[in-house]
Amino acid sequence: MAYIPHWINGKASDTKAERHGDVFDPATGLKTGEVGFATPAVLDTAVASAAKAFESWSHASLSKRTKILFAYRELVERHKLELARVLTAEHGKVLSDALGEVNRGLEVIEFACGIAQLMKGEFSENVSTDVDSYSIRQPLGVVAGITPFNFPVMVPMWMYPIALACGNTFILKPSEKDPSGANLAAEMLEKAGLPPGVFNVVHGDKVAVDAILAHPGIAAVSFVGSTPIARYIYETGTRNGKRVQALGGAKNHMVVLPDADMELAADSAVNAGYGSAGERCMAISALVAVGDAADRLVPKIRERIARLKVGPGAADGSEMGPLVTKEHHARVVGYVDKGVTEGARLVEDGRTLRVPGHDGGYFLGPCLFDAVTPEMTIYKDEIFGPVLSVVRAKSYDEAIKLINGSKYANGVAIFTNDGGAARKFQNEVEVGMVGINVPIPVPMAYYSFGGWKSSLFGDTHMHGREGVHFYTRGKVVTARWPDPKHGGVNLGFPEMK
């Protein structure tokens, strides 16, 4: 039985926590380990370690920081299969999907390796006689990340490589459901040469989260999770004087116009609706079929669902794994039940799925609803499971009104062969990330990730240039090197001459 400890000041904790959580293999339902839960005292220790490390790390040269990040990048590349297997064992996603997650995290590490270009300020000579003015960006101090279960490696990598490259020290509070990836990353950072205390991992539940939000030694908090928790993180953190970026939930729509390539649209709907068992904040959960598109599209989606192989994430050939926990499985099944009760037409029922030899696993097959209306619970709520709802719209205008009326605005996609319609859509849709014939429009590392409305609390998106700005603060310097003939005393307001 594995025990997952905290990682503080460059090493794993050698004392077992008084409180802990259980870690399960979602494919079998069997307990595989325990993870220690932090008390406020443990967090105090982590913050003290990070604060001490900040004194020297913040003054380390950009070349030293990037050299360590380059070494870390090589270690992650070399051990990415090991990382992926850890994800599969604790989250349940199939190995190919886990490898994809690690690779997308690597992109942000590579982006952070170029931090020297992004930390440059501006300089203006002679803003007044013999007076120069210039701007610089400096790190905040100790910063923290609170990350979700669905991407236990990638989402933290959206945060800490940039934070560290900018000169901050970092405390990561990963999900207690799949915590081992965070410790593995900490070990690799230590091997890459990162000084003790610069990166720390504190495991736990709400007790640890609340301690982070209240701690006066933490300057900023990054969060990804559900909308109610994101709102709580933002309101509590800002009330305690912290800079906060809190990414919330989603109800991502995929609009299919009648002129679309229906084969491409069907492939994309299945990929984006059922990949990682729907446990993605960028998953497509509402397919808006315009005109007669649904009549042609739904049969094609059903054909593809029939060929999907659902099984343990580590098994050869598995395309979709189990849900992450028994409780989450029950929650998603409850939504399917409610969809039937409220009158949606369940054309593919994944509740009947059985995986031989894995009766204790948290498996749910792909579920497909047709004739879903905006008043139904399965349309309004974020289900976070393999449930795709087809909503029929008479026109483009009806479709765009439906999307813009949603409280969520994380990602959206449109499938069409009409360039004018696509351009109109990208301008009119009130969503933060837009895909045109691309079902999951997750930006590359050099663009920023983030939604609008209730999908984001705070004014800064994650990674990319906005990530650099989140983890730094600006300072403007006005300088004169006086000669002996300076102007003397003048109590008037400074004027530039």
Protein backbone atom coordinates (compact mmCIF):
# COMPACT_ATOMS: atom_id res chain seq x y z
CA MET A 1 0.00 0.00 0.00
CA ALA A 2 1.64 3.21 -1.20
CA TYR A 3 1.81 6.29 1.00
CA ILE A 4 2.05 9.67 -0.74
CA PRO A 5 3.70 12.28 1.52
CA HIS A 6 4.13 16.03 1.26
CA TRP A 7 7.21 17.40 -0.52
CA ILE A 8 8.69 20.33 1.39
CA ASN A 9 12.11 21.96 1.22
CA GLY A 10 13.44 19.62 -1.45
CA LYS A 11 12.46 16.29 0.05
CA ALA A 12 9.53 14.01 0.87
CA SER A 13 8.16 14.30 4.38
CA ASP A 14 9.34 11.44 6.60
CA THR A 15 6.42 11.65 9.03
CA LYS A 16 2.99 10.25 8.31
CA ALA A 17 0.15 12.77 8.50
CA GLU A 18 -2.49 12.46 11.19
CA ARG A 19 -5.22 12.71 8.57
CA HIS A 20 -5.15 11.10 5.16
CA GLY A 21 -7.25 10.29 2.11
CA ASP A 22 -7.59 7.03 0.24
CA VAL A 23 -6.36 6.63 -3.34
CA PHE A 24 -8.09 4.11 -5.63
CA ASP A 25 -7.53 2.41 -8.96
CA PRO A 26 -10.66 3.47 -10.87
CA ALA A 27 -10.47 0.42 -13.14
CA THR A 28 -10.83 -2.02 -10.24
CA GLY A 29 -12.28 0.04 -7.40
CA LEU A 30 -9.48 -1.20 -5.16
CA LYS A 31 -7.62 1.03 -2.72
CA THR A 32 -3.99 1.42 -3.81
CA GLY A 33 -2.63 4.00 -1.43
CA GLU A 34 -3.06 6.77 1.09
CA VAL A 35 -2.18 10.43 0.76
CA GLY A 36 -1.35 12.62 3.73
CA PHE A 37 -3.58 15.61 4.45
CA ALA A 38 -1.92 18.84 5.53
CA THR A 39 -2.81 20.83 8.61
CA PRO A 40 -2.32 24.60 8.75
CA ALA A 41 0.92 23.91 10.62
CA VAL A 42 2.24 21.85 7.71
CA LEU A 43 1.37 24.66 5.32
CA ASP A 44 3.19 27.11 7.60
CA THR A 45 6.30 24.95 7.24
CA ALA A 46 5.96 24.90 3.44
CA VAL A 47 5.46 28.66 3.25
CA ALA A 48 8.45 29.30 5.53
CA SER A 49 10.60 27.08 3.31
CA ALA A 50 9.36 28.79 0.14
CA ALA A 51 9.83 32.27 1.62
CA LYS A 52 13.43 31.52 2.60
CA ALA A 53 14.13 30.05 -0.85
CA PHE A 54 12.62 33.15 -2.50
CA GLU A 55 15.38 35.32 -1.02
CA SER A 56 17.96 33.72 -3.29
CA TRP A 57 15.81 32.32 -6.12
CA SER A 58 14.31 35.73 -6.94
CA HIS A 59 17.85 37.06 -7.43
CA ALA A 60 19.03 34.11 -9.49
CA SER A 61 19.91 35.09 -13.02
CA LEU A 62 17.50 34.40 -15.85
CA SER A 63 20.11 32.13 -17.38
CA LYS A 64 20.34 30.03 -14.21
CA ARG A 65 16.57 29.67 -13.97
CA THR A 66 16.21 28.69 -17.61
CA LYS A 67 19.11 26.26 -17.38
CA ILE A 68 17.26 24.39 -14.63
CA LEU A 69 14.02 24.47 -16.61
CA PHE A 70 15.81 23.08 -19.68
CA ALA A 71 17.14 20.24 -17.51
CA TYR A 72 13.66 19.65 -16.11
CA ARG A 73 12.23 19.59 -19.61
CA GLU A 74 14.69 16.83 -20.57
CA LEU A 75 13.78 14.79 -17.48
CA VAL A 76 10.04 15.06 -18.17
CA GLU A 77 10.62 14.07 -21.80
CA ARG A 78 12.69 11.07 -20.69
CA HIS A 79 10.20 9.93 -18.06
CA LYS A 80 6.91 10.91 -19.67
CA LEU A 81 5.77 7.29 -20.00
CA GLU A 82 6.34 6.82 -16.27
CA LEU A 83 4.31 9.96 -15.57
CA ALA A 84 1.55 8.77 -17.90
CA ARG A 85 1.33 5.38 -16.16
CA VAL A 86 0.96 7.10 -12.80
CA LEU A 87 -1.91 9.17 -14.24
CA THR A 88 -3.63 6.10 -15.65
CA ALA A 89 -3.28 4.18 -12.37
CA GLU A 90 -4.89 6.94 -10.27
CA HIS A 91 -7.14 8.82 -12.68
CA GLY A 92 -8.18 5.99 -15.00
CA LYS A 93 -7.67 7.71 -18.35
CA VAL A 94 -6.21 5.57 -21.11
CA LEU A 95 -2.44 5.60 -21.52
CA SER A 96 -2.47 7.43 -24.87
CA ASP A 97 -4.58 10.21 -23.37
CA ALA A 98 -2.26 10.41 -20.35
CA LEU A 99 0.74 10.73 -22.67
CA GLY A 100 -1.06 13.52 -24.52
CA GLU A 101 -1.58 15.33 -21.23
CA VAL A 102 2.13 15.12 -20.38
CA ASN A 103 3.07 16.38 -23.84
CA ARG A 104 0.78 19.41 -23.52
CA GLY A 105 2.40 20.16 -20.16
CA LEU A 106 5.82 19.91 -21.78
CA GLU A 107 4.81 22.68 -24.17
CA VAL A 108 4.44 25.10 -21.25
CA ILE A 109 7.81 24.06 -19.79
CA GLU A 110 9.36 24.80 -23.19
CA PHE A 111 7.56 28.15 -23.28
CA ALA A 112 8.92 28.98 -19.83
CA CYS A 113 12.45 28.18 -21.02
CA GLY A 114 12.16 31.33 -23.16
CA ILE A 115 11.28 33.52 -20.19
CA ALA A 116 14.18 35.91 -20.83
CA GLN A 117 12.40 37.23 -23.92
CA LEU A 118 9.15 37.70 -21.98
CA MET A 119 10.65 39.46 -18.96
CA LYS A 120 12.03 42.36 -20.96
CA GLY A 121 10.77 45.80 -19.97
CA GLU A 122 10.64 49.09 -21.87
CA PHE A 123 13.05 52.02 -21.90
CA SER A 124 12.54 55.65 -22.82
CA GLU A 125 15.56 57.93 -23.00
CA ASN A 126 15.37 61.63 -22.14
CA VAL A 127 11.74 61.80 -21.02
CA SER A 128 12.98 65.03 -19.51
CA THR A 129 16.39 66.64 -19.78
CA ASP A 130 18.90 63.94 -18.77
CA VAL A 131 16.08 61.85 -17.24
CA ASP A 132 15.34 58.30 -18.40
CA SER A 133 12.31 56.15 -17.62
CA TYR A 134 12.04 52.38 -17.84
CA SER A 135 9.87 49.50 -16.67
CA ILE A 136 10.78 46.17 -15.13
CA ARG A 137 8.78 43.12 -14.03
CA GLN A 138 9.55 41.42 -10.75
CA PRO A 139 8.28 38.23 -9.05
CA LEU A 140 5.52 38.30 -6.46
CA GLY A 141 7.02 35.99 -3.83
CA VAL A 142 5.48 32.73 -2.65
CA VAL A 143 2.61 31.68 -4.92
CA ALA A 144 0.32 28.66 -4.84
CA GLY A 145 -1.61 26.44 -7.23
CA ILE A 146 -4.72 24.42 -6.42
CA THR A 147 -5.35 21.93 -9.21
CA PRO A 148 -8.07 19.43 -10.26
CA PHE A 149 -8.16 15.65 -10.64
CA ASN A 150 -8.81 15.54 -14.37
CA PHE A 151 -5.37 16.80 -15.48
CA PRO A 152 -3.08 16.13 -12.49
CA VAL A 153 0.13 16.76 -14.46
CA MET A 154 -0.80 19.19 -17.24
CA VAL A 155 -2.74 21.80 -15.27
CA PRO A 156 -0.02 22.23 -12.62
CA MET A 157 2.44 22.59 -15.50
CA TRP A 158 0.32 25.49 -16.76
CA MET A 159 1.28 27.23 -13.53
CA TYR A 160 4.58 26.42 -11.86
CA PRO A 161 7.05 26.46 -14.80
CA ILE A 162 6.09 30.06 -15.57
CA ALA A 163 5.93 31.05 -11.90
CA LEU A 164 9.39 29.58 -11.24
CA ALA A 165 10.89 31.07 -14.39
CA CYS A 166 9.67 34.50 -13.28
CA GLY A 167 11.49 34.11 -9.95
CA ASN A 168 8.67 33.06 -7.63
CA THR A 169 8.64 30.06 -5.33
CA PHE A 170 5.69 27.70 -5.55
CA ILE A 171 3.38 25.59 -3.37
CA LEU A 172 1.22 23.06 -5.21
CA LYS A 173 -1.93 21.58 -3.68
CA PRO A 174 -2.94 18.86 -6.15
CA SER A 175 -6.14 16.86 -6.12
CA GLU A 176 -6.21 14.26 -3.38
CA LYS A 177 -7.80 11.81 -5.83
CA ASP A 178 -4.66 11.37 -7.97
CA PRO A 179 -1.74 12.98 -6.09
CA SER A 180 1.32 10.95 -7.12
CA GLY A 181 2.10 12.86 -10.32
CA ALA A 182 2.82 16.00 -8.30
CA ASN A 183 5.45 14.23 -6.19
CA LEU A 184 7.04 12.71 -9.27
CA ALA A 185 7.31 16.19 -10.80
CA ALA A 186 8.88 17.47 -7.56
CA GLU A 187 11.49 14.71 -7.66
CA MET A 188 12.39 15.59 -11.25
CA LEU A 189 12.67 19.29 -10.43
CA GLU A 190 15.07 18.43 -7.61
CA LYS A 191 17.15 16.28 -9.99
CA ALA A 192 17.18 19.17 -12.48
CA GLY A 193 18.95 21.31 -9.88
CA LEU A 194 16.08 23.36 -8.42
CA PRO A 195 17.13 24.59 -4.96
CA PRO A 196 15.25 23.24 -1.91
CA GLY A 197 12.10 25.15 -1.04
CA VAL A 198 11.55 26.65 -4.48
CA PHE A 199 8.88 24.03 -5.31
CA ASN A 200 6.77 22.35 -2.63
CA VAL A 201 3.82 19.94 -2.70
CA VAL A 202 1.24 20.04 0.07
CA HIS A 203 -1.52 17.45 -0.17
CA GLY A 204 -4.93 17.75 1.43
CA ASP A 205 -8.58 18.63 1.33
CA LYS A 206 -10.54 21.79 2.16
CA VAL A 207 -8.46 22.32 5.31
CA ALA A 208 -5.34 22.78 3.18
CA VAL A 209 -7.18 24.93 0.63
CA ASP A 210 -8.53 27.29 3.28
CA ALA A 211 -5.11 27.54 4.90
CA ILE A 212 -3.61 28.57 1.53
CA LEU A 213 -6.31 31.18 0.96
CA ALA A 214 -5.83 32.70 4.41
CA HIS A 215 -2.05 32.54 4.70
CA PRO A 216 -0.46 36.02 4.74
CA GLY A 217 2.78 34.63 3.29
CA ILE A 218 1.19 33.59 -0.02
CA ALA A 219 0.93 36.39 -2.58
CA ALA A 220 -1.12 34.75 -5.34
CA VAL A 221 -3.26 31.68 -6.02
CA SER A 222 -4.02 29.92 -9.28
CA PHE A 223 -6.96 27.52 -9.41
CA VAL A 224 -8.74 25.24 -11.87
CA GLY A 225 -11.94 23.44 -10.90
CA SER A 226 -15.71 23.75 -10.76
CA THR A 227 -17.46 27.11 -10.90
CA PRO A 228 -18.80 27.14 -7.31
CA ILE A 229 -15.34 26.38 -5.92
CA ALA A 230 -13.69 28.84 -8.33
CA ARG A 231 -15.99 31.57 -7.06
CA TYR A 232 -15.17 30.63 -3.45
CA ILE A 233 -11.43 30.60 -4.18
CA TYR A 234 -11.59 33.99 -5.89
CA GLU A 235 -13.73 35.70 -3.27
CA THR A 236 -11.83 34.27 -0.30
CA GLY A 237 -8.38 34.79 -1.78
CA THR A 238 -8.97 38.38 -2.88
CA ARG A 239 -10.58 39.18 0.45
CA ASN A 240 -7.29 38.12 2.00
CA GLY A 241 -5.34 40.44 -0.28
CA LYS A 242 -4.13 37.88 -2.82
CA ARG A 243 -3.92 38.03 -6.57
CA VAL A 244 -6.20 35.22 -7.83
CA GLN A 245 -6.94 33.55 -11.14
CA ALA A 246 -9.70 30.95 -10.74
CA LEU A 247 -10.83 28.96 -13.77
CA GLY A 248 -14.26 27.43 -13.33
CA GLY A 249 -16.60 24.99 -15.02
CA ALA A 250 -17.90 24.68 -18.54
CA LYS A 251 -20.76 23.63 -20.74
CA ASN A 252 -19.06 23.57 -24.10
CA HIS A 253 -21.18 23.67 -27.23
CA MET A 254 -20.36 22.35 -30.69
CA VAL A 255 -22.45 23.92 -33.44
CA VAL A 256 -22.86 21.87 -36.62
CA LEU A 257 -24.26 23.76 -39.60
CA PRO A 258 -26.00 21.83 -42.41
CA ASP A 259 -23.09 22.39 -44.82
CA ALA A 260 -20.50 20.82 -42.50
CA ASP A 261 -18.45 17.74 -43.30
CA MET A 262 -20.60 15.27 -41.34
CA GLU A 263 -17.91 12.59 -41.17
CA LEU A 264 -15.49 15.08 -39.60
CA ALA A 265 -18.20 16.42 -37.30
CA ALA A 266 -19.15 12.91 -36.12
CA ASP A 267 -15.53 11.97 -35.44
CA SER A 268 -14.99 15.23 -33.59
CA ALA A 269 -18.15 14.93 -31.49
CA VAL A 270 -17.15 11.45 -30.32
CA ASN A 271 -13.54 12.46 -29.67
CA ALA A 272 -14.48 15.60 -27.75
CA GLY A 273 -17.51 14.17 -25.99
CA TYR A 274 -16.11 10.86 -24.76
CA GLY A 275 -12.34 11.34 -24.58
CA SER A 276 -11.10 10.88 -21.01
CA ALA A 277 -14.66 9.72 -20.20
CA GLY A 278 -15.85 13.31 -20.61
CA GLU A 279 -13.81 14.46 -17.61
CA ARG A 280 -12.37 17.50 -19.36
CA CYS A 281 -13.24 21.14 -18.83
CA MET A 282 -12.96 21.48 -22.61
CA ALA A 283 -15.12 18.45 -23.42
CA ILE A 284 -18.02 18.95 -25.79
CA SER A 285 -21.19 18.16 -23.87
CA ALA A 286 -23.84 19.98 -25.94
CA LEU A 287 -24.00 19.41 -29.69
CA VAL A 288 -26.19 22.06 -31.35
CA ALA A 289 -27.32 20.70 -34.72
CA VAL A 290 -28.77 23.35 -37.03
CA GLY A 291 -31.49 22.59 -39.56
CA ASP A 292 -31.42 18.98 -40.71
CA ALA A 293 -27.86 18.36 -39.47
CA ALA A 294 -28.99 16.16 -36.57
CA ASP A 295 -30.82 13.73 -38.86
CA ARG A 296 -27.57 13.01 -40.69
CA LEU A 297 -25.20 13.38 -37.76
CA VAL A 298 -26.79 11.32 -34.96
CA PRO A 299 -26.67 8.01 -36.87
CA LYS A 300 -22.98 8.58 -37.65
CA ILE A 301 -22.23 9.28 -33.99
CA ARG A 302 -24.05 6.10 -32.97
CA GLU A 303 -22.02 4.07 -35.44
CA ARG A 304 -18.82 5.34 -33.88
CA ILE A 305 -20.02 4.79 -30.31
CA ALA A 306 -20.75 1.15 -31.16
CA ARG A 307 -17.10 0.66 -32.12
CA LEU A 308 -15.57 2.32 -29.05
CA LYS A 309 -13.65 0.06 -26.70
CA VAL A 310 -14.19 0.92 -23.04
CA GLY A 311 -11.81 -0.73 -20.60
CA PRO A 312 -8.97 -0.26 -18.12
CA GLY A 313 -6.75 2.64 -19.06
CA ALA A 314 -3.61 0.50 -19.03
CA ALA A 315 -5.07 -2.22 -21.26
CA ASP A 316 -4.04 -2.39 -24.91
CA GLY A 317 -6.72 -1.08 -27.22
CA SER A 318 -8.77 0.76 -24.58
CA GLU A 319 -10.11 4.05 -25.93
CA MET A 320 -12.08 5.21 -22.90
CA GLY A 321 -11.41 4.38 -19.27
CA PRO A 322 -13.47 4.57 -16.08
CA LEU A 323 -14.63 7.61 -14.17
CA VAL A 324 -12.35 8.78 -11.39
CA THR A 325 -14.27 7.72 -8.26
CA LYS A 326 -17.26 5.67 -7.19
CA GLU A 327 -19.02 8.82 -6.00
CA HIS A 328 -18.49 10.63 -9.28
CA HIS A 329 -19.74 7.59 -11.19
CA ALA A 330 -22.95 7.66 -9.16
CA ARG A 331 -23.33 11.38 -9.78
CA VAL A 332 -23.03 11.02 -13.56
CA VAL A 333 -25.42 8.07 -13.65
CA GLY A 334 -27.87 10.22 -11.69
CA TYR A 335 -27.73 12.84 -14.45
CA VAL A 336 -28.47 10.21 -17.08
CA ASP A 337 -31.46 9.04 -15.04
CA LYS A 338 -32.68 12.62 -14.73
CA GLY A 339 -32.33 13.20 -18.47
CA VAL A 340 -34.64 10.25 -19.15
CA THR A 341 -37.10 11.43 -16.50
CA GLU A 342 -37.21 14.95 -17.95
CA GLY A 343 -38.05 13.68 -21.43
CA ALA A 344 -34.80 13.61 -23.39
CA ARG A 345 -34.44 10.67 -25.78
CA LEU A 346 -31.59 8.38 -24.66
CA VAL A 347 -30.41 6.78 -27.90
CA GLU A 348 -27.23 5.26 -26.45
CA ASP A 349 -27.35 4.02 -22.85
CA GLY A 350 -23.92 3.50 -21.30
CA ARG A 351 -25.39 2.48 -17.95
CA THR A 352 -25.65 -1.12 -19.15
CA LEU A 353 -21.93 -1.44 -19.87
CA ARG A 354 -20.00 -4.19 -18.10
CA VAL A 355 -16.23 -4.64 -18.39
CA PRO A 356 -15.33 -8.33 -17.89
CA GLY A 357 -13.14 -8.88 -14.86
CA HIS A 358 -13.61 -5.32 -13.61
CA ASP A 359 -17.00 -5.38 -11.91
CA GLY A 360 -15.69 -3.11 -9.16
CA GLY A 361 -14.44 -0.47 -11.63
CA TYR A 362 -16.14 2.86 -12.16
CA PHE A 363 -17.08 2.28 -15.78
CA LEU A 364 -19.87 4.05 -17.63
CA GLY A 365 -20.28 3.63 -21.36
CA PRO A 366 -20.91 6.53 -23.75
CA CYS A 367 -24.38 8.02 -23.33
CA LEU A 368 -26.05 9.96 -26.14
CA PHE A 369 -29.21 12.01 -25.73
CA ASP A 370 -31.26 13.48 -28.57
CA ALA A 371 -34.09 16.03 -28.42
CA VAL A 372 -32.55 17.82 -25.45
CA THR A 373 -34.01 21.22 -24.62
CA PRO A 374 -32.41 24.15 -22.74
CA GLU A 375 -34.77 23.68 -19.79
CA MET A 376 -33.43 20.22 -18.99
CA THR A 377 -30.97 19.60 -16.18
CA ILE A 378 -28.59 17.64 -18.42
CA TYR A 379 -28.29 20.73 -20.62
CA LYS A 380 -27.88 23.29 -17.86
CA ASP A 381 -25.45 21.49 -15.52
CA GLU A 382 -21.84 20.53 -16.05
CA ILE A 383 -22.00 16.72 -15.89
CA PHE A 384 -18.28 15.95 -16.34
CA GLY A 385 -18.85 12.50 -17.73
CA PRO A 386 -19.39 10.62 -21.01
CA VAL A 387 -22.77 12.19 -21.71
CA LEU A 388 -23.38 14.03 -25.00
CA SER A 389 -26.61 15.96 -25.53
CA VAL A 390 -27.93 16.82 -28.99
CA VAL A 391 -29.92 20.04 -29.12
CA ARG A 392 -31.77 20.79 -32.36
CA ALA A 393 -31.83 24.40 -33.55
CA LYS A 394 -33.78 25.74 -36.51
CA SER A 395 -31.22 28.39 -37.47
CA TYR A 396 -27.77 29.81 -36.84
CA ASP A 397 -29.35 32.70 -34.94
CA GLU A 398 -31.11 30.28 -32.59
CA ALA A 399 -27.84 28.42 -32.01
CA ILE A 400 -25.80 31.53 -31.22
CA LYS A 401 -28.53 32.83 -28.90
CA LEU A 402 -28.50 29.50 -27.05
CA ILE A 403 -24.73 29.59 -26.51
CA ASN A 404 -24.59 33.24 -25.52
CA GLY A 405 -27.38 32.65 -23.02
CA SER A 406 -25.32 30.10 -21.08
CA LYS A 407 -23.66 31.13 -17.83
CA TYR A 408 -20.60 29.13 -18.88
CA ALA A 409 -18.25 30.39 -21.58
CA ASN A 410 -15.12 28.28 -21.55
CA GLY A 411 -14.82 26.73 -25.02
CA VAL A 412 -16.97 26.40 -28.12
CA ALA A 413 -16.67 24.97 -31.62
CA ILE A 414 -18.40 25.41 -34.96
CA PHE A 415 -18.31 22.97 -37.86
CA THR A 416 -18.99 24.43 -41.28
CA ASN A 417 -17.47 24.82 -44.74
CA ASP A 418 -18.69 28.42 -44.94
CA GLY A 419 -15.87 30.84 -44.13
CA GLY A 420 -18.27 33.74 -43.74
CA ALA A 421 -20.38 31.85 -41.22
CA ALA A 422 -17.28 30.83 -39.29
CA ARG A 423 -15.99 34.40 -39.17
CA LYS A 424 -19.39 35.70 -38.08
CA PHE A 425 -19.48 33.05 -35.35
CA GLN A 426 -16.02 33.82 -33.97
CA ASN A 427 -16.97 37.50 -33.70
CA GLU A 428 -20.42 37.05 -32.20
CA VAL A 429 -19.96 34.13 -29.79
CA GLU A 430 -19.40 35.17 -26.16
CA VAL A 431 -16.91 32.47 -25.23
CA GLY A 432 -13.21 32.63 -24.35
CA MET A 433 -11.82 29.90 -26.64
CA VAL A 434 -13.25 29.17 -30.09
CA GLY A 435 -12.62 26.27 -32.45
CA ILE A 436 -13.46 26.35 -36.16
CA ASN A 437 -13.70 22.75 -37.32
CA VAL A 438 -11.59 22.01 -34.22
CA PRO A 439 -13.59 20.42 -31.38
CA ILE A 440 -11.25 21.09 -28.43
CA PRO A 441 -9.65 24.52 -28.97
CA VAL A 442 -7.05 24.36 -26.20
CA PRO A 443 -4.47 27.03 -27.11
CA MET A 444 -0.77 26.38 -27.52
CA ALA A 445 1.45 27.48 -24.64
CA TYR A 446 2.26 30.84 -26.23
CA TYR A 447 -1.42 31.80 -26.18
CA SER A 448 -3.40 31.95 -22.95
CA PHE A 449 -6.07 29.55 -21.70
CA GLY A 450 -9.26 30.85 -20.14
CA GLY A 451 -12.98 31.36 -20.55
CA TRP A 452 -15.47 34.12 -19.93
CA LYS A 453 -18.45 34.62 -17.60
CA SER A 454 -18.70 31.96 -14.86
CA SER A 455 -15.85 29.99 -16.39
CA LEU A 456 -13.26 32.49 -15.08
CA PHE A 457 -12.94 34.59 -11.95
CA GLY A 458 -10.22 37.20 -12.16
CA ASP A 459 -8.96 39.17 -15.13
CA THR A 460 -6.01 37.00 -16.19
CA HIS A 461 -6.01 33.83 -18.25
CA MET A 462 -3.53 31.00 -17.69
CA HIS A 463 -0.09 30.41 -19.24
CA GLY A 464 1.13 32.37 -22.27
CA ARG A 465 1.93 36.06 -21.89
CA GLU A 466 -0.97 36.57 -19.47
CA GLY A 467 0.55 33.91 -17.22
CA VAL A 468 3.82 35.84 -17.13
CA HIS A 469 1.95 38.99 -16.16
CA PHE A 470 0.02 37.13 -13.46
CA TYR A 471 3.19 35.91 -11.77
CA THR A 472 5.00 39.27 -11.94
CA ARG A 473 4.27 42.87 -11.06
CA GLY A 474 5.39 45.93 -12.90
CA LYS A 475 7.66 48.65 -11.61
CA VAL A 476 8.50 51.91 -13.38
CA VAL A 477 11.79 53.66 -12.66
CA THR A 478 12.50 57.30 -13.43
CA ALA A 479 16.24 58.02 -13.17
CA ARG A 480 18.60 60.96 -13.39
CA TRP A 481 22.35 60.88 -12.86
CA PRO A 482 22.91 64.50 -11.82
CA ASP A 483 25.87 66.63 -12.66
CA PRO A 484 27.08 69.20 -10.11
CA LYS A 485 24.78 71.86 -11.62
CA HIS A 486 21.45 70.39 -10.56
CA GLY A 487 18.40 72.60 -10.11
CA GLY A 488 18.31 72.95 -6.34
CA VAL A 489 15.19 72.92 -4.18
CA ASN A 490 11.82 73.19 -5.97
CA LEU A 491 8.61 72.30 -4.08
CA GLY A 492 6.42 72.44 -7.17
CA PHE A 493 4.88 69.34 -8.79
CA PRO A 494 7.52 67.52 -10.88
CA GLU A 495 7.33 68.52 -14.55
CA MET A 496 9.17 66.92 -17.42
CA LYS A 497 11.06 69.57 -19.40
